[in-house]
Amino acid sequence: MPKLLSARPPQDKTEEQQVQQLAASRHAPGDWIQRARMIVRSWAGLRTRAIAVELHCHPQTVRERLARFNAAGLEGLGDRGGAGRKPRLTEAERSRLIALVAEPPPGRLERQADGALAATDETQPAHWTLDALAAAAQARGIQVARSQVRRILRAENVRWRQPRSWATSTDPEFAPKGRPSSSSTPRRRQTPRSSASTSSAP
């Protein structure tokens, strides 16, 4: 029979707040959020099997994470270092990258206080792309490649594409391309029938 295991009490108020905030976070890595929720559920008195059912994972996974937290605290919620490639980004850098998607791209026209439209940098993209996100993150000191941006956003179910039709715009002065259609459609001219076809038979 598996040994009963529970998360140790928080060492101080700071550790408790960090775990609680991580468990309720929307921008932290998904695996960290899941593991923090295990600790919070255990603090609330739930057994490992009940936690596993609620969080849709195996009870052994819960036991392993509780043991890791009891031994290493908040750092125990992360992955154990091994021979493989270590994560290049810290949790804080991942959160900043994810939050970047919610910001307006530097090339997007924004309505100013005086009513004029202006962009922070009109030479930059007006919509977020993977390349634009990677460049913006690097400008803020986050060393990340385009492929890694894609993996992080897809893992967190964050959408960065904002498809728009060329015929629509939020600008009230926008005019769609192309010639406007006439308000009325001209009627097709009918070809007069010949007199032979209209004459009556003798």
N, C-alpha and C. Protein backbone atom coordinates (compact mmCIF):
# COMPACT_ATOMS: atom_id res chain seq x y z
N MET A 1 0.85 -1.20 0.00
CA MET A 1 0.00 0.00 0.00
C MET A 1 0.88 1.24 0.00
N PRO A 2 0.65 2.22 -0.91
CA PRO A 2 1.50 3.40 -0.97
C PRO A 2 1.47 4.18 0.33
N LYS A 3 2.63 4.71 0.67
CA LYS A 3 2.74 5.50 1.88
C LYS A 3 2.02 6.83 1.71
N LEU A 4 1.27 7.20 2.76
CA LEU A 4 0.57 8.48 2.71
C LEU A 4 1.59 9.60 2.75
N LEU A 5 1.38 10.58 1.89
CA LEU A 5 2.33 11.69 1.79
C LEU A 5 1.55 12.98 1.65
N SER A 6 2.04 14.01 2.29
CA SER A 6 1.43 15.34 2.18
C SER A 6 2.53 16.38 2.10
N ALA A 7 2.18 17.54 1.58
CA ALA A 7 3.15 18.63 1.48
C ALA A 7 3.43 19.18 2.87
N ARG A 8 4.69 19.45 3.16
CA ARG A 8 5.04 20.04 4.44
C ARG A 8 4.44 21.45 4.54
N PRO A 9 4.23 21.95 5.73
CA PRO A 9 3.72 23.33 5.86
C PRO A 9 4.71 24.32 5.28
N PRO A 10 4.24 25.47 4.81
CA PRO A 10 5.17 26.49 4.27
C PRO A 10 6.15 26.95 5.35
N GLN A 11 7.38 27.21 4.90
CA GLN A 11 8.40 27.64 5.85
C GLN A 11 8.11 29.03 6.41
N ASP A 12 7.52 29.88 5.57
CA ASP A 12 7.17 31.22 6.02
C ASP A 12 6.05 31.75 5.14
N LYS A 13 5.60 32.96 5.43
CA LYS A 13 4.50 33.56 4.69
C LYS A 13 4.88 33.80 3.23
N THR A 14 6.15 34.14 3.00
CA THR A 14 6.60 34.40 1.63
C THR A 14 6.48 33.16 0.76
N GLU A 15 6.94 32.02 1.27
CA GLU A 15 6.85 30.79 0.50
C GLU A 15 5.39 30.42 0.23
N GLU A 16 4.54 30.59 1.22
CA GLU A 16 3.13 30.29 1.05
C GLU A 16 2.51 31.17 -0.05
N GLN A 17 2.82 32.46 -0.03
CA GLN A 17 2.28 33.38 -1.04
C GLN A 17 2.80 33.04 -2.43
N GLN A 18 4.06 32.66 -2.54
CA GLN A 18 4.64 32.32 -3.84
C GLN A 18 3.96 31.10 -4.44
N VAL A 19 3.73 30.09 -3.62
CA VAL A 19 3.07 28.88 -4.12
C VAL A 19 1.61 29.17 -4.48
N GLN A 20 0.92 29.94 -3.66
CA GLN A 20 -0.47 30.30 -3.94
C GLN A 20 -0.59 31.10 -5.23
N GLN A 21 0.29 32.08 -5.41
CA GLN A 21 0.26 32.91 -6.61
C GLN A 21 0.59 32.09 -7.85
N LEU A 22 1.54 31.18 -7.73
CA LEU A 22 1.90 30.33 -8.87
C LEU A 22 0.74 29.41 -9.24
N ALA A 23 0.05 28.89 -8.27
CA ALA A 23 -1.08 28.00 -8.53
C ALA A 23 -2.23 28.72 -9.22
N ALA A 24 -2.35 30.03 -8.99
CA ALA A 24 -3.43 30.81 -9.59
C ALA A 24 -2.97 31.58 -10.83
N SER A 25 -1.73 31.41 -11.24
CA SER A 25 -1.18 32.19 -12.35
C SER A 25 -1.75 31.74 -13.69
N ARG A 26 -1.80 32.69 -14.64
CA ARG A 26 -2.21 32.39 -16.01
C ARG A 26 -1.04 32.45 -16.99
N HIS A 27 0.07 33.01 -16.56
CA HIS A 27 1.19 33.24 -17.47
C HIS A 27 2.42 32.41 -17.15
N ALA A 28 2.46 31.76 -15.99
CA ALA A 28 3.60 30.92 -15.64
C ALA A 28 3.56 29.64 -16.47
N PRO A 29 4.68 28.92 -16.57
CA PRO A 29 4.67 27.64 -17.30
C PRO A 29 3.62 26.70 -16.75
N GLY A 30 2.96 25.99 -17.64
CA GLY A 30 1.86 25.12 -17.25
C GLY A 30 2.24 24.04 -16.26
N ASP A 31 3.46 23.45 -16.41
CA ASP A 31 3.86 22.39 -15.49
C ASP A 31 4.10 22.93 -14.08
N TRP A 32 4.63 24.15 -13.96
CA TRP A 32 4.82 24.76 -12.65
C TRP A 32 3.47 25.05 -11.98
N ILE A 33 2.52 25.54 -12.77
CA ILE A 33 1.19 25.83 -12.22
C ILE A 33 0.55 24.54 -11.70
N GLN A 34 0.64 23.47 -12.48
CA GLN A 34 0.05 22.19 -12.08
C GLN A 34 0.66 21.68 -10.78
N ARG A 35 1.97 21.78 -10.66
CA ARG A 35 2.65 21.26 -9.47
C ARG A 35 2.36 22.13 -8.25
N ALA A 36 2.25 23.44 -8.46
CA ALA A 36 1.90 24.33 -7.34
C ALA A 36 0.49 24.02 -6.84
N ARG A 37 -0.40 23.69 -7.76
CA ARG A 37 -1.76 23.34 -7.36
C ARG A 37 -1.79 22.07 -6.53
N MET A 38 -0.87 21.14 -6.82
CA MET A 38 -0.78 19.93 -6.00
C MET A 38 -0.44 20.29 -4.56
N ILE A 39 0.49 21.22 -4.38
CA ILE A 39 0.90 21.62 -3.03
C ILE A 39 -0.27 22.31 -2.32
N VAL A 40 -0.94 23.21 -3.03
CA VAL A 40 -2.05 23.94 -2.42
C VAL A 40 -3.17 22.98 -2.02
N ARG A 41 -3.46 21.99 -2.88
CA ARG A 41 -4.51 21.02 -2.55
C ARG A 41 -4.10 20.18 -1.33
N SER A 42 -2.82 19.85 -1.26
CA SER A 42 -2.33 19.08 -0.12
C SER A 42 -2.41 19.89 1.17
N TRP A 43 -2.08 21.17 1.10
CA TRP A 43 -2.23 22.04 2.27
C TRP A 43 -3.69 22.10 2.73
N ALA A 44 -4.61 21.98 1.76
CA ALA A 44 -6.03 22.03 2.10
C ALA A 44 -6.53 20.72 2.71
N GLY A 45 -5.66 19.69 2.75
CA GLY A 45 -6.03 18.44 3.39
C GLY A 45 -6.38 17.31 2.45
N LEU A 46 -6.28 17.51 1.12
CA LEU A 46 -6.62 16.45 0.18
C LEU A 46 -5.52 15.40 0.15
N ARG A 47 -5.91 14.14 -0.01
CA ARG A 47 -4.96 13.04 -0.17
C ARG A 47 -4.45 13.01 -1.61
N THR A 48 -3.38 12.26 -1.81
CA THR A 48 -2.74 12.22 -3.13
C THR A 48 -3.70 11.73 -4.22
N ARG A 49 -4.51 10.72 -3.91
CA ARG A 49 -5.43 10.19 -4.93
C ARG A 49 -6.49 11.22 -5.30
N ALA A 50 -7.01 11.95 -4.33
CA ALA A 50 -8.02 12.97 -4.60
C ALA A 50 -7.41 14.12 -5.42
N ILE A 51 -6.17 14.46 -5.11
CA ILE A 51 -5.49 15.50 -5.89
C ILE A 51 -5.30 15.05 -7.33
N ALA A 52 -4.90 13.78 -7.51
CA ALA A 52 -4.68 13.25 -8.85
C ALA A 52 -5.96 13.27 -9.67
N VAL A 53 -7.08 12.90 -9.05
CA VAL A 53 -8.36 12.90 -9.76
C VAL A 53 -8.74 14.32 -10.16
N GLU A 54 -8.56 15.26 -9.26
CA GLU A 54 -8.95 16.65 -9.54
C GLU A 54 -8.08 17.27 -10.63
N LEU A 55 -6.78 16.94 -10.64
CA LEU A 55 -5.85 17.56 -11.58
C LEU A 55 -5.56 16.67 -12.79
N HIS A 56 -6.27 15.53 -12.89
CA HIS A 56 -6.18 14.65 -14.07
C HIS A 56 -4.75 14.15 -14.30
N CYS A 57 -4.17 13.59 -13.26
CA CYS A 57 -2.83 13.01 -13.38
C CYS A 57 -2.77 11.74 -12.53
N HIS A 58 -1.63 11.07 -12.54
CA HIS A 58 -1.47 9.82 -11.80
C HIS A 58 -1.11 10.12 -10.35
N PRO A 59 -1.63 9.33 -9.40
CA PRO A 59 -1.29 9.56 -7.99
C PRO A 59 0.21 9.52 -7.71
N GLN A 60 0.96 8.68 -8.46
CA GLN A 60 2.40 8.62 -8.26
C GLN A 60 3.07 9.94 -8.63
N THR A 61 2.52 10.61 -9.65
CA THR A 61 3.04 11.92 -10.03
C THR A 61 2.87 12.91 -8.88
N VAL A 62 1.71 12.87 -8.24
CA VAL A 62 1.45 13.76 -7.11
C VAL A 62 2.42 13.45 -5.97
N ARG A 63 2.62 12.17 -5.67
CA ARG A 63 3.52 11.80 -4.57
C ARG A 63 4.95 12.26 -4.84
N GLU A 64 5.39 12.11 -6.09
CA GLU A 64 6.75 12.53 -6.43
C GLU A 64 6.91 14.04 -6.28
N ARG A 65 5.90 14.81 -6.68
CA ARG A 65 6.00 16.27 -6.60
C ARG A 65 5.90 16.76 -5.16
N LEU A 66 5.10 16.10 -4.36
CA LEU A 66 5.03 16.47 -2.95
C LEU A 66 6.37 16.21 -2.28
N ALA A 67 6.99 15.07 -2.62
CA ALA A 67 8.29 14.74 -2.04
C ALA A 67 9.36 15.74 -2.49
N ARG A 68 9.32 16.12 -3.74
CA ARG A 68 10.29 17.11 -4.25
C ARG A 68 10.12 18.45 -3.55
N PHE A 69 8.86 18.87 -3.34
CA PHE A 69 8.62 20.13 -2.66
C PHE A 69 9.09 20.06 -1.21
N ASN A 70 8.82 18.94 -0.54
CA ASN A 70 9.24 18.80 0.84
C ASN A 70 10.76 18.88 0.99
N ALA A 71 11.48 18.45 -0.06
CA ALA A 71 12.94 18.44 0.01
C ALA A 71 13.57 19.74 -0.47
N ALA A 72 12.98 20.36 -1.50
CA ALA A 72 13.64 21.52 -2.12
C ALA A 72 12.79 22.78 -2.12
N GLY A 73 11.59 22.74 -1.58
CA GLY A 73 10.76 23.93 -1.56
C GLY A 73 10.25 24.30 -2.94
N LEU A 74 10.15 25.60 -3.20
CA LEU A 74 9.60 26.08 -4.47
C LEU A 74 10.41 25.59 -5.66
N GLU A 75 11.72 25.50 -5.51
CA GLU A 75 12.56 25.02 -6.61
C GLU A 75 12.24 23.57 -6.95
N GLY A 76 11.67 22.82 -6.01
CA GLY A 76 11.33 21.43 -6.27
C GLY A 76 10.17 21.27 -7.23
N LEU A 77 9.50 22.36 -7.55
CA LEU A 77 8.41 22.29 -8.52
C LEU A 77 8.93 22.26 -9.95
N GLY A 78 10.19 22.61 -10.14
CA GLY A 78 10.78 22.58 -11.47
C GLY A 78 11.27 21.19 -11.83
N ASP A 79 11.78 21.04 -13.06
CA ASP A 79 12.31 19.76 -13.51
C ASP A 79 13.72 19.56 -12.96
N ARG A 80 14.02 18.34 -12.61
CA ARG A 80 15.33 18.01 -12.10
C ARG A 80 16.36 18.09 -13.22
N GLY A 81 17.49 18.71 -12.96
CA GLY A 81 18.54 18.82 -13.97
C GLY A 81 19.08 17.45 -14.36
N GLY A 82 19.37 17.28 -15.63
CA GLY A 82 19.88 16.00 -16.11
C GLY A 82 20.90 16.21 -17.20
N ALA A 83 21.13 15.15 -17.96
CA ALA A 83 22.13 15.22 -19.01
C ALA A 83 21.63 15.96 -20.23
N GLY A 84 20.32 16.13 -20.32
CA GLY A 84 19.77 16.81 -21.49
C GLY A 84 20.02 18.31 -21.46
N ARG A 85 19.56 19.00 -22.50
CA ARG A 85 19.75 20.44 -22.60
C ARG A 85 18.92 21.15 -21.54
N LYS A 86 19.54 22.05 -20.82
CA LYS A 86 18.85 22.78 -19.77
C LYS A 86 17.98 23.88 -20.37
N PRO A 87 16.88 24.23 -19.72
CA PRO A 87 16.03 25.31 -20.23
C PRO A 87 16.84 26.61 -20.32
N ARG A 88 16.66 27.32 -21.42
CA ARG A 88 17.41 28.55 -21.61
C ARG A 88 16.78 29.73 -20.90
N LEU A 89 15.48 29.65 -20.66
CA LEU A 89 14.77 30.78 -20.07
C LEU A 89 14.37 30.47 -18.64
N THR A 90 14.40 31.49 -17.82
CA THR A 90 13.90 31.35 -16.46
C THR A 90 12.38 31.47 -16.49
N GLU A 91 11.75 31.15 -15.37
CA GLU A 91 10.30 31.26 -15.28
C GLU A 91 9.86 32.71 -15.50
N ALA A 92 10.61 33.66 -14.94
CA ALA A 92 10.27 35.07 -15.10
C ALA A 92 10.38 35.50 -16.56
N GLU A 93 11.38 35.00 -17.28
CA GLU A 93 11.54 35.35 -18.70
C GLU A 93 10.42 34.75 -19.54
N ARG A 94 10.02 33.53 -19.24
CA ARG A 94 8.89 32.93 -19.95
C ARG A 94 7.62 33.74 -19.73
N SER A 95 7.41 34.17 -18.50
CA SER A 95 6.21 34.96 -18.19
C SER A 95 6.24 36.28 -18.94
N ARG A 96 7.40 36.93 -19.02
CA ARG A 96 7.51 38.20 -19.75
C ARG A 96 7.27 37.99 -21.24
N LEU A 97 7.74 36.88 -21.77
CA LEU A 97 7.53 36.58 -23.19
C LEU A 97 6.05 36.37 -23.48
N ILE A 98 5.35 35.61 -22.63
CA ILE A 98 3.93 35.35 -22.83
C ILE A 98 3.13 36.64 -22.70
N ALA A 99 3.50 37.48 -21.73
CA ALA A 99 2.78 38.75 -21.54
C ALA A 99 3.01 39.71 -22.70
N LEU A 100 4.11 39.52 -23.44
CA LEU A 100 4.42 40.41 -24.56
C LEU A 100 3.35 40.33 -25.65
N VAL A 101 2.71 39.17 -25.80
CA VAL A 101 1.70 39.00 -26.85
C VAL A 101 0.52 39.94 -26.63
N ALA A 102 0.23 40.26 -25.37
CA ALA A 102 -0.92 41.12 -25.07
C ALA A 102 -0.62 42.59 -25.33
N GLU A 103 0.64 42.94 -25.56
CA GLU A 103 0.99 44.33 -25.84
C GLU A 103 0.82 44.65 -27.32
N PRO A 104 0.56 45.90 -27.68
CA PRO A 104 0.43 46.24 -29.10
C PRO A 104 1.79 46.17 -29.80
N PRO A 105 1.86 45.61 -30.99
CA PRO A 105 3.12 45.59 -31.73
C PRO A 105 3.62 47.01 -31.98
N PRO A 106 4.94 47.21 -32.08
CA PRO A 106 5.49 48.57 -32.23
C PRO A 106 5.06 49.26 -33.51
N GLY A 107 4.67 48.49 -34.54
CA GLY A 107 4.28 49.11 -35.79
C GLY A 107 2.79 49.33 -35.95
N ARG A 108 2.00 48.98 -34.96
CA ARG A 108 0.55 49.13 -35.06
C ARG A 108 0.16 50.59 -34.82
N LEU A 109 -0.73 51.08 -35.65
CA LEU A 109 -1.23 52.43 -35.48
C LEU A 109 -2.18 52.49 -34.29
N GLU A 110 -1.94 53.42 -33.40
CA GLU A 110 -2.77 53.58 -32.21
C GLU A 110 -3.32 55.01 -32.18
N ARG A 111 -4.54 55.14 -31.72
CA ARG A 111 -5.16 56.45 -31.60
C ARG A 111 -4.52 57.23 -30.46
N GLN A 112 -3.97 58.41 -30.75
CA GLN A 112 -3.31 59.24 -29.75
C GLN A 112 -4.32 60.16 -29.06
N ALA A 113 -3.83 60.88 -28.06
CA ALA A 113 -4.71 61.76 -27.30
C ALA A 113 -5.31 62.86 -28.16
N ASP A 114 -4.56 63.31 -29.18
CA ASP A 114 -5.05 64.37 -30.05
C ASP A 114 -5.92 63.83 -31.20
N GLY A 115 -6.17 62.52 -31.21
CA GLY A 115 -7.01 61.92 -32.24
C GLY A 115 -6.26 61.40 -33.44
N ALA A 116 -4.94 61.70 -33.53
CA ALA A 116 -4.16 61.25 -34.67
C ALA A 116 -3.75 59.79 -34.49
N LEU A 117 -3.48 59.13 -35.62
CA LEU A 117 -3.00 57.76 -35.59
C LEU A 117 -1.48 57.77 -35.70
N ALA A 118 -0.81 57.03 -34.84
CA ALA A 118 0.65 56.97 -34.86
C ALA A 118 1.10 55.64 -34.29
N ALA A 119 2.28 55.20 -34.72
CA ALA A 119 2.87 53.96 -34.23
C ALA A 119 4.16 54.28 -33.49
N THR A 120 4.52 53.42 -32.57
CA THR A 120 5.78 53.60 -31.85
C THR A 120 6.95 53.57 -32.81
N ASP A 121 6.92 52.65 -33.77
CA ASP A 121 7.97 52.56 -34.78
C ASP A 121 7.31 52.02 -36.05
N GLU A 122 7.08 52.90 -37.00
CA GLU A 122 6.35 52.52 -38.21
C GLU A 122 7.15 51.58 -39.10
N THR A 123 8.44 51.41 -38.82
CA THR A 123 9.25 50.47 -39.61
C THR A 123 9.10 49.04 -39.11
N GLN A 124 8.44 48.88 -37.95
CA GLN A 124 8.28 47.56 -37.37
C GLN A 124 6.93 46.96 -37.77
N PRO A 125 6.75 45.64 -37.58
CA PRO A 125 5.49 44.99 -37.97
C PRO A 125 4.29 45.54 -37.20
N ALA A 126 3.16 45.60 -37.87
CA ALA A 126 1.93 46.07 -37.25
C ALA A 126 1.17 44.94 -36.56
N HIS A 127 1.58 43.69 -36.80
CA HIS A 127 0.94 42.54 -36.17
C HIS A 127 2.05 41.62 -35.66
N TRP A 128 1.77 40.92 -34.58
CA TRP A 128 2.76 40.02 -34.02
C TRP A 128 2.97 38.81 -34.91
N THR A 129 4.22 38.51 -35.17
CA THR A 129 4.63 37.27 -35.81
C THR A 129 5.68 36.65 -34.90
N LEU A 130 6.06 35.42 -35.18
CA LEU A 130 7.09 34.78 -34.36
C LEU A 130 8.40 35.54 -34.45
N ASP A 131 8.75 36.01 -35.65
CA ASP A 131 9.98 36.78 -35.80
C ASP A 131 9.91 38.09 -35.02
N ALA A 132 8.76 38.76 -35.09
CA ALA A 132 8.61 40.04 -34.39
C ALA A 132 8.65 39.84 -32.88
N LEU A 133 8.03 38.77 -32.39
CA LEU A 133 8.04 38.49 -30.96
C LEU A 133 9.45 38.16 -30.48
N ALA A 134 10.17 37.37 -31.27
CA ALA A 134 11.54 37.04 -30.89
C ALA A 134 12.42 38.29 -30.85
N ALA A 135 12.25 39.18 -31.84
CA ALA A 135 13.03 40.41 -31.87
C ALA A 135 12.70 41.32 -30.69
N ALA A 136 11.39 41.43 -30.38
CA ALA A 136 10.97 42.27 -29.25
C ALA A 136 11.48 41.71 -27.93
N ALA A 137 11.45 40.38 -27.80
CA ALA A 137 11.95 39.76 -26.57
C ALA A 137 13.46 39.97 -26.42
N GLN A 138 14.18 39.83 -27.53
CA GLN A 138 15.63 40.03 -27.48
C GLN A 138 15.99 41.47 -27.14
N ALA A 139 15.16 42.42 -27.62
CA ALA A 139 15.40 43.82 -27.30
C ALA A 139 15.21 44.10 -25.81
N ARG A 140 14.48 43.23 -25.15
CA ARG A 140 14.25 43.38 -23.70
C ARG A 140 15.17 42.50 -22.88
N GLY A 141 16.17 41.95 -23.54
CA GLY A 141 17.16 41.16 -22.82
C GLY A 141 16.84 39.70 -22.66
N ILE A 142 15.80 39.20 -23.35
CA ILE A 142 15.43 37.79 -23.29
C ILE A 142 16.03 37.09 -24.51
N GLN A 143 17.03 36.28 -24.30
CA GLN A 143 17.69 35.61 -25.40
C GLN A 143 16.90 34.37 -25.81
N VAL A 144 16.10 34.53 -26.85
CA VAL A 144 15.22 33.46 -27.29
C VAL A 144 15.17 33.46 -28.81
N ALA A 145 15.08 32.28 -29.38
CA ALA A 145 14.99 32.12 -30.83
C ALA A 145 13.54 31.98 -31.26
N ARG A 146 13.32 32.16 -32.55
CA ARG A 146 11.97 32.08 -33.10
C ARG A 146 11.32 30.74 -32.78
N SER A 147 12.08 29.64 -32.97
CA SER A 147 11.52 28.31 -32.73
C SER A 147 11.14 28.11 -31.27
N GLN A 148 11.93 28.70 -30.36
CA GLN A 148 11.62 28.56 -28.94
C GLN A 148 10.39 29.38 -28.57
N VAL A 149 10.22 30.54 -29.20
CA VAL A 149 9.02 31.34 -28.97
C VAL A 149 7.78 30.53 -29.36
N ARG A 150 7.86 29.87 -30.49
CA ARG A 150 6.72 29.06 -30.95
C ARG A 150 6.40 27.94 -29.97
N ARG A 151 7.43 27.24 -29.49
CA ARG A 151 7.21 26.13 -28.56
C ARG A 151 6.57 26.61 -27.26
N ILE A 152 7.07 27.73 -26.74
CA ILE A 152 6.55 28.24 -25.47
C ILE A 152 5.10 28.66 -25.61
N LEU A 153 4.77 29.41 -26.66
CA LEU A 153 3.41 29.90 -26.83
C LEU A 153 2.44 28.76 -27.10
N ARG A 154 2.86 27.78 -27.88
CA ARG A 154 1.98 26.65 -28.15
C ARG A 154 1.77 25.81 -26.89
N ALA A 155 2.82 25.67 -26.07
CA ALA A 155 2.69 24.91 -24.83
C ALA A 155 1.72 25.57 -23.86
N GLU A 156 1.65 26.91 -23.91
CA GLU A 156 0.77 27.65 -23.00
C GLU A 156 -0.56 28.00 -23.65
N ASN A 157 -0.80 27.50 -24.90
CA ASN A 157 -2.05 27.77 -25.62
C ASN A 157 -2.28 29.27 -25.80
N VAL A 158 -1.21 29.99 -26.10
CA VAL A 158 -1.29 31.44 -26.32
C VAL A 158 -1.31 31.70 -27.82
N ARG A 159 -2.31 32.43 -28.30
CA ARG A 159 -2.42 32.76 -29.72
C ARG A 159 -1.72 34.08 -29.99
N TRP A 160 -0.88 34.08 -30.97
CA TRP A 160 -0.18 35.32 -31.33
C TRP A 160 -0.63 35.85 -32.69
N ARG A 161 -1.32 35.03 -33.46
CA ARG A 161 -1.81 35.48 -34.76
C ARG A 161 -3.12 36.22 -34.58
N GLN A 162 -3.28 37.32 -35.32
CA GLN A 162 -4.53 38.07 -35.32
C GLN A 162 -4.93 38.34 -36.77
N PRO A 163 -5.49 37.32 -37.44
CA PRO A 163 -5.85 37.49 -38.85
C PRO A 163 -6.90 38.56 -39.03
N ARG A 164 -6.71 39.38 -40.04
CA ARG A 164 -7.66 40.45 -40.35
C ARG A 164 -7.90 40.49 -41.84
N SER A 165 -9.09 40.83 -42.21
CA SER A 165 -9.41 40.98 -43.62
C SER A 165 -8.90 42.33 -44.12
N TRP A 166 -8.41 42.37 -45.37
CA TRP A 166 -7.91 43.64 -45.91
C TRP A 166 -9.05 44.63 -46.08
N ALA A 167 -10.28 44.13 -46.11
CA ALA A 167 -11.42 45.02 -46.36
C ALA A 167 -12.01 45.61 -45.09
N THR A 168 -11.41 45.31 -43.93
CA THR A 168 -11.94 45.85 -42.68
C THR A 168 -10.85 46.58 -41.94
N SER A 169 -11.24 47.54 -41.13
CA SER A 169 -10.29 48.30 -40.34
C SER A 169 -11.02 49.00 -39.21
N THR A 170 -10.29 49.22 -38.09
CA THR A 170 -10.87 49.97 -36.98
C THR A 170 -10.70 51.47 -37.19
N ASP A 171 -10.01 51.87 -38.24
CA ASP A 171 -9.81 53.28 -38.52
C ASP A 171 -11.08 53.85 -39.15
N PRO A 172 -11.70 54.87 -38.54
CA PRO A 172 -12.93 55.42 -39.12
C PRO A 172 -12.71 56.07 -40.48
N GLU A 173 -11.45 56.44 -40.79
CA GLU A 173 -11.16 57.06 -42.07
C GLU A 173 -10.78 56.04 -43.14
N PHE A 174 -10.83 54.76 -42.76
CA PHE A 174 -10.46 53.71 -43.69
C PHE A 174 -11.48 53.62 -44.82
N ALA A 175 -10.97 53.46 -46.03
CA ALA A 175 -11.85 53.27 -47.19
C ALA A 175 -11.44 51.98 -47.87
N PRO A 176 -12.32 51.04 -48.08
CA PRO A 176 -11.95 49.78 -48.71
C PRO A 176 -11.46 49.99 -50.13
N LYS A 177 -10.53 49.12 -50.54
CA LYS A 177 -9.98 49.22 -51.87
C LYS A 177 -11.00 48.78 -52.91
N GLY A 178 -10.75 49.24 -54.14
CA GLY A 178 -11.63 48.83 -55.21
C GLY A 178 -12.69 49.85 -55.52
N ARG A 179 -13.29 49.75 -56.69
CA ARG A 179 -14.33 50.68 -57.11
C ARG A 179 -15.62 50.38 -56.39
N PRO A 180 -16.30 51.40 -55.90
CA PRO A 180 -17.58 51.14 -55.23
C PRO A 180 -18.62 50.65 -56.22
N SER A 181 -19.47 49.77 -55.76
CA SER A 181 -20.51 49.25 -56.64
C SER A 181 -21.64 50.27 -56.75
N SER A 182 -22.33 50.24 -57.87
CA SER A 182 -23.42 51.18 -58.08
C SER A 182 -24.59 50.83 -57.19
N SER A 183 -25.34 51.86 -56.78
CA SER A 183 -26.49 51.61 -55.92
C SER A 183 -27.61 50.90 -56.65
N SER A 184 -27.60 51.00 -57.97
CA SER A 184 -28.62 50.31 -58.75
C SER A 184 -27.96 49.57 -59.90
N THR A 185 -28.48 48.43 -60.21
CA THR A 185 -27.94 47.62 -61.30
C THR A 185 -28.69 47.93 -62.59
N PRO A 186 -27.95 48.34 -63.64
CA PRO A 186 -28.65 48.68 -64.90
C PRO A 186 -29.35 47.46 -65.47
N ARG A 187 -30.53 47.70 -65.98
CA ARG A 187 -31.30 46.62 -66.56
C ARG A 187 -30.74 46.26 -67.91
N ARG A 188 -30.76 44.99 -68.21
CA ARG A 188 -30.24 44.53 -69.49
C ARG A 188 -31.19 44.92 -70.60
N ARG A 189 -30.61 45.48 -71.64
CA ARG A 189 -31.43 45.89 -72.78
C ARG A 189 -31.94 44.66 -73.51
N GLN A 190 -33.20 44.71 -73.88
CA GLN A 190 -33.80 43.60 -74.61
C GLN A 190 -33.72 43.87 -76.10
N THR A 191 -33.39 42.84 -76.82
CA THR A 191 -33.30 42.95 -78.28
C THR A 191 -34.70 42.88 -78.87
N PRO A 192 -35.11 43.91 -79.67
CA PRO A 192 -36.47 43.89 -80.24
C PRO A 192 -36.65 42.71 -81.18
N ARG A 193 -37.78 42.10 -81.06
CA ARG A 193 -38.05 40.96 -81.94
C ARG A 193 -38.37 41.45 -83.36
N SER A 194 -38.02 40.66 -84.34
CA SER A 194 -38.24 41.04 -85.75
C SER A 194 -39.73 41.04 -86.05
N SER A 195 -40.09 41.81 -87.10
CA SER A 195 -41.49 41.91 -87.50
C SER A 195 -42.04 40.59 -87.97
N ALA A 196 -41.12 39.75 -88.51
CA ALA A 196 -41.60 38.46 -89.03
C ALA A 196 -42.08 37.58 -87.90
N SER A 197 -41.37 37.70 -86.77
CA SER A 197 -41.75 36.86 -85.65
C SER A 197 -42.96 37.37 -84.93
N THR A 198 -43.24 38.71 -85.09
CA THR A 198 -44.36 39.29 -84.37
C THR A 198 -45.63 39.36 -85.21
N SER A 199 -45.49 39.17 -86.52
CA SER A 199 -46.69 39.25 -87.36
C SER A 199 -47.54 38.02 -87.18
N SER A 200 -48.81 38.21 -87.33
CA SER A 200 -49.73 37.09 -87.17
C SER A 200 -49.82 36.27 -88.45
N ALA A 201 -50.16 35.06 -88.34
CA ALA A 201 -50.26 34.18 -89.51
C ALA A 201 -51.48 34.55 -90.30
N PRO A 202 -51.46 34.41 -91.67
CA PRO A 202 -52.61 34.76 -92.51
C PRO A 202 -53.78 33.83 -92.28
